[in-house]
Protein backbone atom coordinates (compact mmCIF):
# COMPACT_ATOMS: atom_id res chain seq x y z
CA MET A 1 0.00 -0.02 0.03
CA SER A 2 2.80 2.42 0.75
CA ARG A 3 4.35 1.76 -2.66
CA THR A 4 0.87 2.76 -4.27
CA SER A 5 0.68 5.86 -2.11
CA SER A 6 4.18 6.92 -3.12
CA PHE A 7 3.31 6.45 -6.79
CA LEU A 8 0.13 8.41 -6.38
CA ALA A 9 2.07 11.12 -4.44
CA ALA A 10 4.55 11.36 -7.31
CA CYS A 11 1.83 11.55 -9.86
CA LEU A 12 0.22 14.40 -7.99
CA ALA A 13 3.51 16.26 -7.55
CA VAL A 14 4.17 15.89 -11.38
CA SER A 15 0.59 17.05 -12.12
CA VAL A 16 1.00 20.09 -9.92
CA VAL A 17 4.34 21.07 -11.51
CA VAL A 18 3.04 20.49 -14.98
CA GLY A 19 -0.24 22.35 -14.30
CA ALA A 20 1.76 25.19 -12.89
CA ARG A 21 3.75 25.98 -16.03
CA PRO A 22 2.45 28.81 -18.01
CA ALA A 23 0.60 27.95 -21.08
CA ILE A 24 2.70 28.22 -24.21
CA ALA A 25 0.65 30.21 -26.95
CA ALA A 26 -0.24 27.95 -29.86
CA GLU A 27 0.83 29.07 -33.24
CA ALA A 28 -2.12 30.19 -35.26
CA PRO A 29 -2.81 27.68 -38.23
CA PHE A 30 -2.19 30.49 -40.75
CA GLU A 31 1.12 31.42 -39.35
CA PRO A 32 3.30 29.32 -41.58
CA GLY A 33 1.63 30.63 -44.62
CA LEU A 34 2.10 34.19 -43.56
CA MET A 35 5.89 33.55 -42.89
CA ARG A 36 6.09 31.91 -46.29
CA LEU A 37 4.33 34.97 -47.80
CA ALA A 38 6.96 37.23 -46.18
CA GLU A 39 9.69 35.28 -47.59
CA VAL A 40 8.06 35.25 -51.08
CA LEU A 41 7.81 39.14 -50.75
CA GLY A 42 11.58 39.35 -49.88
CA SER A 43 12.43 37.20 -52.92
CA LEU A 44 10.32 39.19 -55.22
CA HIS A 45 11.84 42.46 -53.87
CA PHE A 46 15.22 41.26 -54.83
CA LEU A 47 14.48 39.61 -58.17
CA ARG A 48 12.08 42.31 -59.49
CA ASN A 49 14.68 45.07 -58.75
CA LEU A 50 17.35 42.93 -60.37
CA CYS A 51 15.27 42.50 -63.53
CA GLY A 52 14.61 46.20 -63.97
CA GLU A 53 11.74 47.13 -61.59
CA LYS A 54 12.85 50.17 -59.69
CA GLY A 55 11.35 50.96 -56.27
CA ASP A 56 10.11 49.41 -53.06
CA ARG A 57 6.86 48.04 -54.08
CA TRP A 58 7.38 44.52 -52.57
CA ARG A 59 8.83 46.01 -49.37
CA ALA A 60 5.73 48.20 -49.17
CA GLU A 61 3.60 45.18 -49.56
CA MET A 62 5.55 43.64 -46.67
CA GLU A 63 4.99 46.80 -44.49
CA LYS A 64 1.27 46.50 -45.27
CA LEU A 65 1.33 42.87 -44.09
CA ILE A 66 3.11 43.72 -40.80
CA ALA A 67 0.73 46.76 -40.23
CA SER A 68 -2.29 44.53 -40.83
CA GLU A 69 -1.08 41.84 -38.45
CA ASN A 70 -0.02 44.26 -35.86
CA PRO A 71 2.30 41.69 -34.29
CA ASN A 72 4.12 41.91 -31.04
CA PRO A 73 7.84 42.53 -31.23
CA LYS A 74 8.86 38.85 -31.40
CA ARG A 75 6.52 38.05 -34.15
CA ARG A 76 7.44 41.16 -36.01
CA ALA A 77 11.09 40.01 -35.96
CA ARG A 78 10.06 36.67 -37.34
CA PHE A 79 8.16 38.45 -40.19
CA ILE A 80 11.24 40.56 -40.92
CA ALA A 81 13.56 37.61 -40.85
CA SER A 82 11.45 35.69 -43.29
CA PHE A 83 11.46 38.68 -45.73
CA ASN A 84 15.22 39.09 -45.37
CA ARG A 85 15.72 35.39 -45.94
CA GLY A 86 13.84 35.51 -49.03
CA TYR A 87 15.80 38.46 -50.23
CA ARG A 88 19.20 37.01 -49.43
CA SER A 89 18.31 33.53 -50.86
CA PHE A 90 18.80 34.90 -54.42
CA GLY A 91 21.71 37.46 -53.74
CA GLY A 92 24.33 34.84 -53.97
CA THR A 93 22.71 33.11 -57.04
CA TYR A 94 21.87 36.05 -59.26
CA THR A 95 24.03 38.94 -60.11
CA GLN A 96 22.15 40.06 -63.27
CA CYS A 97 18.65 39.26 -64.60
CA THR A 98 18.56 35.87 -66.52
CA ALA A 99 15.88 33.71 -67.93
CA SER A 100 15.96 31.66 -64.79
CA ALA A 101 15.62 34.66 -62.62
CA THR A 102 12.51 35.72 -64.77
CA GLU A 103 11.13 32.22 -64.33
CA ALA A 104 11.68 32.46 -60.52
CA ILE A 105 9.85 35.73 -60.57
CA SER A 106 6.93 34.10 -62.27
CA ARG A 107 6.90 31.19 -59.85
CA TYR A 108 7.05 33.50 -56.73
CA MET A 109 4.24 35.61 -58.11
CA LYS A 110 1.92 32.66 -58.57
CA GLU A 111 3.01 31.37 -55.12
CA GLY A 112 2.37 34.69 -53.46
CA GLU A 113 -0.99 34.97 -55.14
CA THR A 114 -2.02 31.50 -54.13
CA LEU A 115 -0.84 31.99 -50.46
CA SER A 116 -2.72 35.28 -50.25
CA ARG A 117 -5.94 33.86 -51.63
CA ASP A 118 -5.66 30.73 -49.45
CA ILE A 119 -5.12 32.56 -46.22
CA ALA A 120 -7.81 35.10 -46.93
CA SER A 121 -10.38 32.47 -47.94
CA ARG A 122 -9.72 30.19 -45.05
CA TYR A 123 -9.00 32.59 -42.19
CA GLY A 124 -10.36 35.91 -43.39
CA ASN A 125 -13.17 37.63 -41.61
C-alpha cells in the first residue's frame, strides 16, 4: 500500500508541476503561410529590382502585411527575418537578370497569389 501511495504522491507532484507551468501560446494555423508569404515578398523584392523594376513595391507590401497583422515585437522580428531570408536567398545566385531569374519571378508571383488567396479564404473575416 505504501508503494501505491508513493506512486500516487509522485503523480500528484508531477501534475502540480506540469499544471503550474505557464501555457505556451499555440501558433495560429495560418502562421506558416504568412511567414512563407513574407519570404516570397523578400524574394520578389530582390528579383524584380534585379530585373529592372525600380522601387520598393514589394517592401511596401511587406510593410502592409506587418501593419495589418500588428504583431508583437517577437512575431514582427519573425516576419522581418522571413522577408530578409527571401531577399538574401537569391543574392548569391543572381547578379544579373537571367531567364531563370525571370522564371523564378513568375513562380514566386504565382505562389504569393496562391498564399494570399488561400489565407484570406480560409482565415479571413
